[in-house]
């Protein structure tokens, strides 16, 4: 792959940490639930709620990492594309914490597709990372996955800060071609048409 960041390497590196992180989070979540019954003060209650919300967010991200990590021997196989799109968005948002853009999903396609999982996941991470670099921080990113002519079509639309089709999106071409997909990029919108399901 020509992508220098190789985002899946980072995601897969987290795999070894997941077990330890889950153990620590279980303790945080369990003890915070016990504390909630004892707290009488509104300020303490507010702070505890922040801890619980943070723990919940980490649980959500660990679930995404768990689904997204590549297992040994996994290559071309059946993939829940809708779940992969949502997980890739979660992980890209985590990776680009400075951007507060919110993803709004319209997922009308839920069929499994047979794709190279590694290439597909790298493409989705690279795509959403590039979008978050170019997206207006306060505007929603619209993410649609629909079926057209028996082919899944991913459409991502956002308010572009740069107003140009960035070189970052052109870097997706190799991954798109490797999947046998097609891509159309314009300012603030990108469409990827995947091979037939």
N, C-alpha and C. Protein backbone atom coordinates (compact mmCIF):
# COMPACT_ATOMS: atom_id res chain seq x y z
N UNK A 1 0.84 -1.18 0.00
CA UNK A 1 0.00 0.00 0.00
C UNK A 1 0.87 1.24 0.00
N UNK A 2 0.42 2.27 -0.68
CA UNK A 2 1.19 3.50 -0.75
C UNK A 2 0.86 4.44 0.39
N UNK A 3 -0.19 4.18 1.14
CA UNK A 3 -0.58 5.06 2.23
C UNK A 3 0.46 5.00 3.34
N UNK A 4 1.16 6.10 3.63
CA UNK A 4 2.25 6.06 4.60
C UNK A 4 1.78 5.88 6.04
N UNK A 5 0.56 6.27 6.34
CA UNK A 5 0.10 6.20 7.72
C UNK A 5 -0.25 4.78 8.16
N UNK A 6 -0.65 3.94 7.21
CA UNK A 6 -1.04 2.57 7.51
C UNK A 6 -1.89 2.51 8.77
N UNK A 7 -3.08 3.14 8.76
CA UNK A 7 -3.87 3.25 9.99
C UNK A 7 -4.21 1.93 10.64
N UNK A 8 -4.33 0.85 9.86
CA UNK A 8 -4.67 -0.42 10.48
C UNK A 8 -3.56 -0.92 11.40
N UNK A 9 -2.33 -0.54 11.14
CA UNK A 9 -1.25 -0.93 12.04
C UNK A 9 -1.51 -0.37 13.43
N UNK A 10 -1.98 0.86 13.50
CA UNK A 10 -2.28 1.47 14.79
C UNK A 10 -3.48 0.81 15.45
N UNK A 11 -4.50 0.53 14.66
CA UNK A 11 -5.70 -0.09 15.21
C UNK A 11 -5.37 -1.49 15.72
N UNK A 12 -4.61 -2.25 14.94
CA UNK A 12 -4.27 -3.60 15.37
C UNK A 12 -3.32 -3.60 16.57
N UNK A 13 -2.52 -2.56 16.72
CA UNK A 13 -1.65 -2.47 17.90
C UNK A 13 -2.49 -2.33 19.17
N UNK A 14 -3.66 -1.72 19.04
CA UNK A 14 -4.54 -1.56 20.20
C UNK A 14 -5.14 -2.88 20.65
N UNK A 15 -5.13 -3.85 19.79
CA UNK A 15 -5.73 -5.14 20.10
C UNK A 15 -5.17 -5.74 21.38
N UNK A 16 -3.85 -5.65 21.55
CA UNK A 16 -3.22 -6.20 22.73
C UNK A 16 -3.59 -5.46 24.00
N UNK A 17 -3.97 -4.19 23.85
CA UNK A 17 -4.34 -3.39 25.02
C UNK A 17 -5.82 -3.54 25.38
N UNK A 18 -6.61 -4.03 24.47
CA UNK A 18 -8.06 -4.06 24.69
C UNK A 18 -8.46 -4.81 25.96
N UNK A 19 -7.84 -5.95 26.20
CA UNK A 19 -8.21 -6.75 27.36
C UNK A 19 -7.95 -5.97 28.65
N UNK A 20 -6.78 -5.38 28.77
CA UNK A 20 -6.44 -4.62 29.98
C UNK A 20 -7.33 -3.40 30.13
N UNK A 21 -7.60 -2.73 29.02
CA UNK A 21 -8.47 -1.55 29.08
C UNK A 21 -9.89 -1.94 29.51
N UNK A 22 -10.37 -3.05 29.01
CA UNK A 22 -11.72 -3.50 29.40
C UNK A 22 -11.79 -3.83 30.88
N UNK A 23 -10.73 -4.46 31.41
CA UNK A 23 -10.71 -4.76 32.85
C UNK A 23 -10.77 -3.48 33.67
N UNK A 24 -9.96 -2.50 33.31
CA UNK A 24 -9.94 -1.23 34.04
C UNK A 24 -11.30 -0.53 33.92
N UNK A 25 -11.88 -0.55 32.74
CA UNK A 25 -13.18 0.11 32.54
C UNK A 25 -14.30 -0.57 33.31
N UNK A 26 -14.21 -1.88 33.42
CA UNK A 26 -15.21 -2.59 34.21
C UNK A 26 -15.17 -2.12 35.66
N UNK A 27 -13.95 -1.94 36.18
CA UNK A 27 -13.82 -1.44 37.56
C UNK A 27 -14.37 -0.03 37.67
N UNK A 28 -14.02 0.85 36.73
CA UNK A 28 -14.50 2.23 36.76
C UNK A 28 -16.02 2.26 36.69
N UNK A 29 -16.59 1.51 35.75
CA UNK A 29 -18.05 1.51 35.58
C UNK A 29 -18.75 0.92 36.81
N UNK A 30 -18.23 -0.18 37.32
CA UNK A 30 -18.85 -0.81 38.47
C UNK A 30 -18.83 0.05 39.72
N UNK A 31 -17.67 0.63 40.02
CA UNK A 31 -17.57 1.46 41.21
C UNK A 31 -18.33 2.78 41.06
N UNK A 32 -18.39 3.30 39.82
CA UNK A 32 -19.15 4.55 39.64
C UNK A 32 -20.65 4.29 39.84
N UNK A 33 -21.12 3.10 39.44
CA UNK A 33 -22.52 2.75 39.70
C UNK A 33 -22.80 2.66 41.20
N UNK A 34 -21.85 2.10 41.95
CA UNK A 34 -22.01 2.02 43.41
C UNK A 34 -22.00 3.42 44.03
N UNK A 35 -21.12 4.28 43.52
CA UNK A 35 -21.05 5.65 44.05
C UNK A 35 -22.31 6.44 43.78
N UNK A 36 -22.94 6.18 42.66
CA UNK A 36 -24.13 6.94 42.28
C UNK A 36 -25.22 6.82 43.35
N UNK A 37 -25.34 5.66 43.95
CA UNK A 37 -26.37 5.46 44.99
C UNK A 37 -26.04 6.23 46.27
N UNK A 38 -24.77 6.58 46.48
CA UNK A 38 -24.35 7.25 47.72
C UNK A 38 -24.27 8.77 47.61
N UNK A 39 -24.18 9.28 46.39
CA UNK A 39 -23.94 10.72 46.21
C UNK A 39 -25.24 11.50 46.43
N UNK A 40 -25.15 12.54 47.24
CA UNK A 40 -26.29 13.42 47.53
C UNK A 40 -26.11 14.79 46.89
N UNK A 41 -24.88 15.21 46.68
CA UNK A 41 -24.55 16.55 46.21
C UNK A 41 -24.68 16.62 44.68
N UNK A 42 -25.29 17.70 44.17
CA UNK A 42 -25.49 17.85 42.72
C UNK A 42 -24.17 17.98 41.97
N UNK A 43 -23.21 18.67 42.55
CA UNK A 43 -21.91 18.84 41.89
C UNK A 43 -21.20 17.50 41.77
N UNK A 44 -21.20 16.72 42.84
CA UNK A 44 -20.58 15.40 42.79
C UNK A 44 -21.31 14.49 41.81
N UNK A 45 -22.61 14.60 41.77
CA UNK A 45 -23.41 13.81 40.85
C UNK A 45 -23.07 14.17 39.40
N UNK A 46 -22.89 15.46 39.12
CA UNK A 46 -22.51 15.91 37.78
C UNK A 46 -21.14 15.36 37.39
N UNK A 47 -20.18 15.42 38.31
CA UNK A 47 -18.83 14.92 38.02
C UNK A 47 -18.85 13.41 37.79
N UNK A 48 -19.63 12.69 38.58
CA UNK A 48 -19.73 11.25 38.40
C UNK A 48 -20.34 10.93 37.04
N UNK A 49 -21.32 11.71 36.63
CA UNK A 49 -21.95 11.51 35.31
C UNK A 49 -20.91 11.68 34.20
N UNK A 50 -19.99 12.63 34.35
CA UNK A 50 -18.93 12.82 33.36
C UNK A 50 -18.03 11.58 33.28
N UNK A 51 -17.71 11.01 34.45
CA UNK A 51 -16.90 9.78 34.50
C UNK A 51 -17.64 8.65 33.80
N UNK A 52 -18.92 8.49 34.08
CA UNK A 52 -19.71 7.41 33.47
C UNK A 52 -19.82 7.59 31.96
N UNK A 53 -20.03 8.83 31.52
CA UNK A 53 -20.12 9.09 30.08
C UNK A 53 -18.80 8.79 29.39
N UNK A 54 -17.68 9.17 30.03
CA UNK A 54 -16.36 8.88 29.47
C UNK A 54 -16.11 7.38 29.37
N UNK A 55 -16.48 6.64 30.41
CA UNK A 55 -16.30 5.19 30.40
C UNK A 55 -17.16 4.56 29.30
N UNK A 56 -18.37 5.04 29.14
CA UNK A 56 -19.26 4.53 28.10
C UNK A 56 -18.67 4.78 26.71
N UNK A 57 -18.10 5.97 26.51
CA UNK A 57 -17.48 6.32 25.22
C UNK A 57 -16.30 5.39 24.92
N UNK A 58 -15.50 5.09 25.94
CA UNK A 58 -14.35 4.20 25.75
C UNK A 58 -14.84 2.79 25.43
N UNK A 59 -15.88 2.33 26.11
CA UNK A 59 -16.46 1.01 25.79
C UNK A 59 -16.90 0.96 24.33
N UNK A 60 -17.56 2.02 23.86
CA UNK A 60 -18.03 2.07 22.47
C UNK A 60 -16.85 1.99 21.50
N UNK A 61 -15.78 2.72 21.81
CA UNK A 61 -14.62 2.72 20.93
C UNK A 61 -13.92 1.36 20.94
N UNK A 62 -13.81 0.73 22.11
CA UNK A 62 -13.19 -0.59 22.18
C UNK A 62 -14.00 -1.62 21.40
N UNK A 63 -15.32 -1.50 21.43
CA UNK A 63 -16.16 -2.40 20.63
C UNK A 63 -15.87 -2.20 19.14
N UNK A 64 -15.73 -0.94 18.73
CA UNK A 64 -15.42 -0.64 17.32
C UNK A 64 -14.06 -1.21 16.95
N UNK A 65 -13.07 -1.03 17.81
CA UNK A 65 -11.73 -1.57 17.55
C UNK A 65 -11.80 -3.09 17.43
N UNK A 66 -12.55 -3.72 18.32
CA UNK A 66 -12.66 -5.18 18.32
C UNK A 66 -13.26 -5.68 17.00
N UNK A 67 -14.31 -5.01 16.53
CA UNK A 67 -14.93 -5.42 15.26
C UNK A 67 -14.03 -5.09 14.08
N UNK A 68 -13.25 -4.04 14.20
CA UNK A 68 -12.49 -3.51 13.08
C UNK A 68 -11.13 -4.18 12.91
N UNK A 69 -10.58 -4.76 13.96
CA UNK A 69 -9.24 -5.33 13.87
C UNK A 69 -9.25 -6.54 12.94
N UNK A 70 -8.14 -6.70 12.27
CA UNK A 70 -7.99 -7.78 11.32
C UNK A 70 -7.44 -8.99 12.04
N UNK A 71 -8.08 -10.09 11.85
CA UNK A 71 -7.63 -11.32 12.49
C UNK A 71 -6.66 -12.07 11.58
N UNK A 72 -5.78 -12.87 12.17
CA UNK A 72 -4.83 -13.62 11.33
C UNK A 72 -5.55 -14.44 10.28
N UNK A 73 -5.04 -14.40 9.06
CA UNK A 73 -5.63 -15.16 7.97
C UNK A 73 -6.82 -14.49 7.30
N UNK A 74 -7.24 -13.35 7.84
CA UNK A 74 -8.39 -12.66 7.25
C UNK A 74 -7.91 -11.88 6.03
N UNK A 75 -8.57 -12.05 4.95
CA UNK A 75 -8.25 -11.33 3.73
C UNK A 75 -9.55 -11.05 3.03
N UNK A 76 -9.75 -11.69 1.89
CA UNK A 76 -11.00 -11.54 1.17
C UNK A 76 -12.05 -12.40 1.88
N UNK A 77 -13.05 -11.75 2.41
CA UNK A 77 -14.11 -12.47 3.11
C UNK A 77 -15.36 -11.61 3.18
N UNK A 78 -16.44 -12.23 3.68
CA UNK A 78 -17.70 -11.51 3.81
C UNK A 78 -17.57 -10.46 4.89
N UNK A 79 -18.09 -9.28 4.62
CA UNK A 79 -17.90 -8.12 5.49
C UNK A 79 -19.23 -7.38 5.61
N UNK A 80 -19.58 -7.02 6.83
CA UNK A 80 -20.75 -6.17 7.06
C UNK A 80 -20.30 -4.74 6.80
N UNK A 81 -20.51 -4.28 5.58
CA UNK A 81 -20.00 -2.98 5.15
C UNK A 81 -20.60 -1.84 5.96
N UNK A 82 -21.88 -1.92 6.30
CA UNK A 82 -22.53 -0.86 7.08
C UNK A 82 -21.87 -0.72 8.44
N UNK A 83 -21.60 -1.84 9.12
CA UNK A 83 -20.95 -1.78 10.43
C UNK A 83 -19.52 -1.27 10.30
N UNK A 84 -18.82 -1.69 9.25
CA UNK A 84 -17.44 -1.22 9.04
C UNK A 84 -17.39 0.28 8.81
N UNK A 85 -18.38 0.81 8.08
CA UNK A 85 -18.44 2.26 7.84
C UNK A 85 -18.63 2.99 9.17
N UNK A 86 -19.56 2.51 9.99
CA UNK A 86 -19.80 3.17 11.29
C UNK A 86 -18.59 3.06 12.21
N UNK A 87 -17.95 1.89 12.24
CA UNK A 87 -16.77 1.72 13.08
C UNK A 87 -15.61 2.60 12.61
N UNK A 88 -15.42 2.68 11.29
CA UNK A 88 -14.35 3.51 10.75
C UNK A 88 -14.58 4.97 11.11
N UNK A 89 -15.83 5.43 11.07
CA UNK A 89 -16.13 6.81 11.46
C UNK A 89 -15.76 7.03 12.93
N UNK A 90 -16.18 6.12 13.81
CA UNK A 90 -15.87 6.24 15.24
C UNK A 90 -14.36 6.33 15.47
N UNK A 91 -13.62 5.47 14.80
CA UNK A 91 -12.17 5.44 14.99
C UNK A 91 -11.49 6.67 14.40
N UNK A 92 -11.99 7.16 13.27
CA UNK A 92 -11.42 8.38 12.68
C UNK A 92 -11.70 9.59 13.56
N UNK A 93 -12.89 9.66 14.13
CA UNK A 93 -13.22 10.76 15.03
C UNK A 93 -12.30 10.74 16.24
N UNK A 94 -12.06 9.55 16.76
CA UNK A 94 -11.14 9.41 17.90
C UNK A 94 -9.74 9.86 17.51
N UNK A 95 -9.31 9.49 16.31
CA UNK A 95 -7.97 9.83 15.84
C UNK A 95 -7.84 11.34 15.58
N UNK A 96 -8.93 12.00 15.21
CA UNK A 96 -8.93 13.44 14.90
C UNK A 96 -9.78 14.17 15.92
N UNK A 97 -9.42 14.05 17.18
CA UNK A 97 -10.22 14.58 18.28
C UNK A 97 -10.48 16.08 18.19
N UNK A 98 -9.65 16.82 17.48
CA UNK A 98 -9.85 18.26 17.39
C UNK A 98 -11.06 18.66 16.57
N UNK A 99 -11.52 17.77 15.70
CA UNK A 99 -12.67 18.08 14.86
C UNK A 99 -13.94 17.59 15.55
N UNK A 100 -14.87 18.52 15.77
CA UNK A 100 -16.09 18.19 16.50
C UNK A 100 -17.26 17.84 15.56
N UNK A 101 -16.96 17.61 14.28
CA UNK A 101 -18.01 17.28 13.33
C UNK A 101 -18.73 16.00 13.77
N UNK A 102 -20.02 15.96 13.55
CA UNK A 102 -20.85 14.81 13.93
C UNK A 102 -21.26 14.07 12.67
N UNK A 103 -21.15 12.75 12.70
CA UNK A 103 -21.59 11.94 11.56
C UNK A 103 -23.08 11.68 11.64
N UNK A 104 -23.78 11.92 10.53
CA UNK A 104 -25.20 11.59 10.43
C UNK A 104 -25.34 10.49 9.39
N UNK A 105 -25.82 9.33 9.85
CA UNK A 105 -25.84 8.14 9.00
C UNK A 105 -27.21 7.90 8.38
N UNK A 106 -27.18 7.52 7.12
CA UNK A 106 -28.36 7.03 6.41
C UNK A 106 -27.92 5.72 5.76
N UNK A 107 -28.12 4.63 6.50
CA UNK A 107 -27.62 3.33 6.04
C UNK A 107 -28.80 2.46 5.64
N UNK A 108 -29.00 2.35 4.33
CA UNK A 108 -30.09 1.54 3.81
C UNK A 108 -29.58 0.24 3.23
N UNK A 109 -28.31 -0.04 3.43
CA UNK A 109 -27.70 -1.24 2.87
C UNK A 109 -27.15 -2.05 4.02
N UNK A 110 -27.63 -3.28 4.23
CA UNK A 110 -27.17 -4.06 5.36
C UNK A 110 -26.67 -5.44 4.96
N UNK A 111 -26.55 -5.69 3.69
CA UNK A 111 -26.09 -6.97 3.19
C UNK A 111 -24.58 -7.11 3.38
N UNK A 112 -24.10 -8.34 3.57
CA UNK A 112 -22.66 -8.55 3.63
C UNK A 112 -22.10 -8.55 2.21
N UNK A 113 -20.90 -8.03 2.08
CA UNK A 113 -20.22 -8.01 0.78
C UNK A 113 -18.89 -8.74 0.92
N UNK A 114 -18.42 -9.31 -0.16
CA UNK A 114 -17.15 -10.01 -0.14
C UNK A 114 -16.10 -9.06 -0.69
N UNK A 115 -15.21 -8.63 0.21
CA UNK A 115 -14.16 -7.68 -0.13
C UNK A 115 -12.88 -8.05 0.60
N UNK A 116 -11.77 -7.48 0.19
CA UNK A 116 -10.54 -7.60 0.95
C UNK A 116 -10.70 -6.73 2.19
N UNK A 117 -10.87 -7.36 3.34
CA UNK A 117 -11.18 -6.65 4.58
C UNK A 117 -10.10 -5.64 4.94
N UNK A 118 -8.84 -6.03 4.79
CA UNK A 118 -7.74 -5.14 5.16
C UNK A 118 -7.77 -3.88 4.31
N UNK A 119 -7.87 -4.03 3.00
CA UNK A 119 -7.89 -2.87 2.10
C UNK A 119 -9.12 -2.02 2.36
N UNK A 120 -10.28 -2.66 2.54
CA UNK A 120 -11.52 -1.92 2.78
C UNK A 120 -11.42 -1.10 4.07
N UNK A 121 -10.93 -1.69 5.13
CA UNK A 121 -10.81 -0.97 6.40
C UNK A 121 -9.79 0.17 6.31
N UNK A 122 -8.68 -0.06 5.63
CA UNK A 122 -7.71 1.02 5.45
C UNK A 122 -8.32 2.16 4.63
N UNK A 123 -9.05 1.80 3.58
CA UNK A 123 -9.70 2.81 2.75
C UNK A 123 -10.67 3.65 3.58
N UNK A 124 -11.51 3.00 4.38
CA UNK A 124 -12.50 3.73 5.18
C UNK A 124 -11.84 4.63 6.21
N UNK A 125 -10.80 4.15 6.87
CA UNK A 125 -10.09 4.99 7.85
C UNK A 125 -9.43 6.18 7.18
N UNK A 126 -8.78 5.92 6.05
CA UNK A 126 -8.10 6.99 5.31
C UNK A 126 -9.12 8.01 4.80
N UNK A 127 -10.25 7.50 4.28
CA UNK A 127 -11.31 8.37 3.76
C UNK A 127 -11.84 9.29 4.86
N UNK A 128 -12.27 8.71 5.99
CA UNK A 128 -12.85 9.54 7.04
C UNK A 128 -11.82 10.45 7.70
N UNK A 129 -10.58 9.99 7.80
CA UNK A 129 -9.52 10.86 8.31
C UNK A 129 -9.33 12.08 7.41
N UNK A 130 -9.34 11.85 6.10
CA UNK A 130 -9.20 12.95 5.15
C UNK A 130 -10.39 13.90 5.21
N UNK A 131 -11.59 13.34 5.35
CA UNK A 131 -12.79 14.16 5.46
C UNK A 131 -12.70 15.05 6.69
N UNK A 132 -12.29 14.48 7.82
CA UNK A 132 -12.22 15.26 9.06
C UNK A 132 -11.16 16.35 9.01
N UNK A 133 -10.13 16.16 8.19
CA UNK A 133 -9.12 17.21 8.01
C UNK A 133 -9.73 18.38 7.24
N UNK A 134 -10.64 18.08 6.30
CA UNK A 134 -11.21 19.10 5.42
C UNK A 134 -12.58 19.61 5.87
N UNK A 135 -13.22 18.93 6.82
CA UNK A 135 -14.60 19.28 7.19
C UNK A 135 -14.65 20.44 8.18
N UNK A 136 -15.68 21.26 8.03
CA UNK A 136 -15.97 22.32 8.99
C UNK A 136 -16.29 21.67 10.33
N UNK A 137 -15.63 22.13 11.37
CA UNK A 137 -15.72 21.46 12.67
C UNK A 137 -17.11 21.43 13.27
N UNK A 138 -17.94 22.38 12.94
CA UNK A 138 -19.26 22.47 13.58
C UNK A 138 -20.39 21.91 12.71
N UNK A 139 -20.07 21.49 11.50
CA UNK A 139 -21.12 21.03 10.58
C UNK A 139 -21.18 19.50 10.57
N UNK A 140 -22.36 18.95 10.30
CA UNK A 140 -22.46 17.49 10.24
C UNK A 140 -21.80 16.93 8.98
N UNK A 141 -21.30 15.71 9.09
CA UNK A 141 -20.81 14.97 7.93
C UNK A 141 -21.90 13.95 7.62
N UNK A 142 -22.46 14.01 6.43
CA UNK A 142 -23.54 13.12 6.03
C UNK A 142 -22.96 11.88 5.38
N UNK A 143 -23.29 10.72 5.93
CA UNK A 143 -22.72 9.46 5.47
C UNK A 143 -23.87 8.54 5.08
N UNK A 144 -23.93 8.22 3.80
CA UNK A 144 -25.02 7.39 3.28
C UNK A 144 -24.44 6.13 2.65
N UNK A 145 -25.06 5.00 2.94
CA UNK A 145 -24.70 3.74 2.29
C UNK A 145 -25.99 3.14 1.74
N UNK A 146 -26.11 3.14 0.43
CA UNK A 146 -27.32 2.66 -0.24
C UNK A 146 -26.93 1.66 -1.31
N UNK A 147 -27.91 1.02 -1.87
CA UNK A 147 -27.67 0.08 -2.96
C UNK A 147 -28.22 0.65 -4.25
N UNK A 148 -27.37 0.67 -5.28
CA UNK A 148 -27.79 1.11 -6.61
C UNK A 148 -27.31 0.08 -7.62
N UNK A 149 -28.23 -0.44 -8.41
CA UNK A 149 -27.90 -1.47 -9.40
C UNK A 149 -27.14 -2.64 -8.78
N UNK A 150 -27.62 -3.09 -7.63
CA UNK A 150 -27.04 -4.21 -6.88
C UNK A 150 -25.62 -3.96 -6.41
N UNK A 151 -25.23 -2.69 -6.35
CA UNK A 151 -23.89 -2.34 -5.86
C UNK A 151 -24.03 -1.37 -4.68
N UNK A 152 -23.29 -1.59 -3.58
CA UNK A 152 -23.32 -0.65 -2.47
C UNK A 152 -22.61 0.64 -2.86
N UNK A 153 -23.25 1.78 -2.54
CA UNK A 153 -22.67 3.09 -2.84
C UNK A 153 -22.55 3.88 -1.54
N UNK A 154 -21.33 4.25 -1.20
CA UNK A 154 -21.05 5.07 -0.03
C UNK A 154 -20.92 6.51 -0.48
N UNK A 155 -21.76 7.38 0.08
CA UNK A 155 -21.70 8.81 -0.23
C UNK A 155 -21.39 9.55 1.06
N UNK A 156 -20.34 10.38 1.02
CA UNK A 156 -19.95 11.18 2.18
C UNK A 156 -19.96 12.64 1.74
N UNK A 157 -20.74 13.46 2.46
CA UNK A 157 -20.86 14.89 2.12
C UNK A 157 -20.54 15.71 3.36
N UNK A 158 -19.83 16.82 3.17
CA UNK A 158 -19.43 17.66 4.29
C UNK A 158 -19.23 19.09 3.81
N UNK A 159 -19.22 20.02 4.77
CA UNK A 159 -18.93 21.42 4.46
C UNK A 159 -17.41 21.55 4.41
N UNK A 160 -16.89 21.76 3.20
CA UNK A 160 -15.44 21.80 2.99
C UNK A 160 -14.84 23.12 3.46
N UNK A 161 -13.76 23.03 4.22
CA UNK A 161 -13.04 24.23 4.67
C UNK A 161 -12.17 24.76 3.54
N UNK A 162 -11.51 23.84 2.81
CA UNK A 162 -10.57 24.25 1.78
C UNK A 162 -11.25 24.66 0.49
N UNK A 163 -12.40 24.08 0.20
CA UNK A 163 -13.10 24.39 -1.05
C UNK A 163 -12.46 23.78 -2.28
N UNK A 164 -11.56 22.82 -2.09
CA UNK A 164 -10.93 22.13 -3.23
C UNK A 164 -11.00 20.63 -2.99
N UNK A 165 -10.81 19.88 -4.07
CA UNK A 165 -10.69 18.42 -3.94
C UNK A 165 -9.25 18.17 -3.55
N UNK A 166 -9.03 17.80 -2.31
CA UNK A 166 -7.68 17.68 -1.78
C UNK A 166 -6.92 16.49 -2.34
N UNK A 167 -5.61 16.62 -2.30
CA UNK A 167 -4.73 15.53 -2.74
C UNK A 167 -4.93 14.29 -1.88
N UNK A 168 -5.36 14.50 -0.62
CA UNK A 168 -5.59 13.36 0.27
C UNK A 168 -6.63 12.41 -0.31
N UNK A 169 -7.65 12.95 -0.95
CA UNK A 169 -8.70 12.10 -1.50
C UNK A 169 -8.21 11.38 -2.75
N UNK A 170 -7.33 12.01 -3.48
CA UNK A 170 -6.78 11.36 -4.66
C UNK A 170 -5.92 10.17 -4.24
N UNK A 171 -5.37 10.19 -3.03
CA UNK A 171 -4.58 9.08 -2.51
C UNK A 171 -5.40 7.83 -2.28
N UNK A 172 -6.72 7.96 -2.29
CA UNK A 172 -7.59 6.80 -2.12
C UNK A 172 -7.66 5.94 -3.38
N UNK A 173 -7.26 6.50 -4.51
CA UNK A 173 -7.44 5.83 -5.80
C UNK A 173 -6.88 4.42 -5.84
N UNK A 174 -5.68 4.22 -5.31
CA UNK A 174 -5.06 2.89 -5.35
C UNK A 174 -5.89 1.88 -4.55
N UNK A 175 -6.36 2.30 -3.36
CA UNK A 175 -7.15 1.38 -2.52
C UNK A 175 -8.49 1.08 -3.18
N UNK A 176 -9.11 2.11 -3.77
CA UNK A 176 -10.39 1.92 -4.45
C UNK A 176 -10.22 0.95 -5.61
N UNK A 177 -9.18 1.13 -6.40
CA UNK A 177 -8.92 0.24 -7.54
C UNK A 177 -8.64 -1.18 -7.06
N UNK A 178 -7.90 -1.31 -5.96
CA UNK A 178 -7.57 -2.64 -5.43
C UNK A 178 -8.82 -3.40 -5.00
N UNK A 179 -9.84 -2.67 -4.55
CA UNK A 179 -11.10 -3.31 -4.16
C UNK A 179 -12.01 -3.59 -5.35
N UNK A 180 -11.65 -3.08 -6.53
CA UNK A 180 -12.53 -3.22 -7.69
C UNK A 180 -13.70 -2.26 -7.61
N UNK A 181 -13.52 -1.16 -6.88
CA UNK A 181 -14.57 -0.16 -6.70
C UNK A 181 -14.31 1.02 -7.63
N UNK A 182 -15.21 2.00 -7.58
CA UNK A 182 -15.08 3.23 -8.37
C UNK A 182 -15.28 4.41 -7.44
N UNK A 183 -14.60 5.52 -7.74
CA UNK A 183 -14.68 6.69 -6.87
C UNK A 183 -14.94 7.93 -7.70
N UNK A 184 -15.74 8.83 -7.13
CA UNK A 184 -15.99 10.13 -7.73
C UNK A 184 -15.87 11.17 -6.62
N UNK A 185 -14.88 12.06 -6.71
CA UNK A 185 -14.64 13.06 -5.67
C UNK A 185 -14.90 14.46 -6.23
N UNK A 186 -15.67 15.24 -5.49
CA UNK A 186 -15.88 16.65 -5.80
C UNK A 186 -15.67 17.42 -4.49
N UNK A 187 -15.76 18.73 -4.56
CA UNK A 187 -15.59 19.53 -3.35
C UNK A 187 -16.70 19.20 -2.37
N UNK A 188 -16.32 18.70 -1.20
CA UNK A 188 -17.28 18.42 -0.15
C UNK A 188 -18.12 17.17 -0.34
N UNK A 189 -17.77 16.34 -1.30
CA UNK A 189 -18.53 15.10 -1.49
C UNK A 189 -17.65 14.05 -2.14
N UNK A 190 -17.82 12.82 -1.67
CA UNK A 190 -17.09 11.70 -2.25
C UNK A 190 -18.02 10.51 -2.35
N UNK A 191 -18.01 9.85 -3.49
CA UNK A 191 -18.83 8.66 -3.71
C UNK A 191 -17.91 7.49 -4.01
N UNK A 192 -18.15 6.38 -3.34
CA UNK A 192 -17.43 5.14 -3.68
C UNK A 192 -18.49 4.08 -4.00
N UNK A 193 -18.39 3.53 -5.18
CA UNK A 193 -19.28 2.47 -5.60
C UNK A 193 -18.51 1.16 -5.52
N UNK A 194 -18.95 0.30 -4.61
CA UNK A 194 -18.27 -0.97 -4.37
C UNK A 194 -18.73 -2.02 -5.39
N UNK A 195 -17.96 -3.11 -5.52
CA UNK A 195 -18.41 -4.19 -6.41
C UNK A 195 -19.73 -4.79 -5.94
N UNK A 196 -20.39 -5.54 -6.78
CA UNK A 196 -21.67 -6.15 -6.43
C UNK A 196 -21.57 -6.95 -5.15
N UNK A 197 -22.67 -6.94 -4.39
CA UNK A 197 -22.70 -7.65 -3.10
C UNK A 197 -22.63 -9.14 -3.31
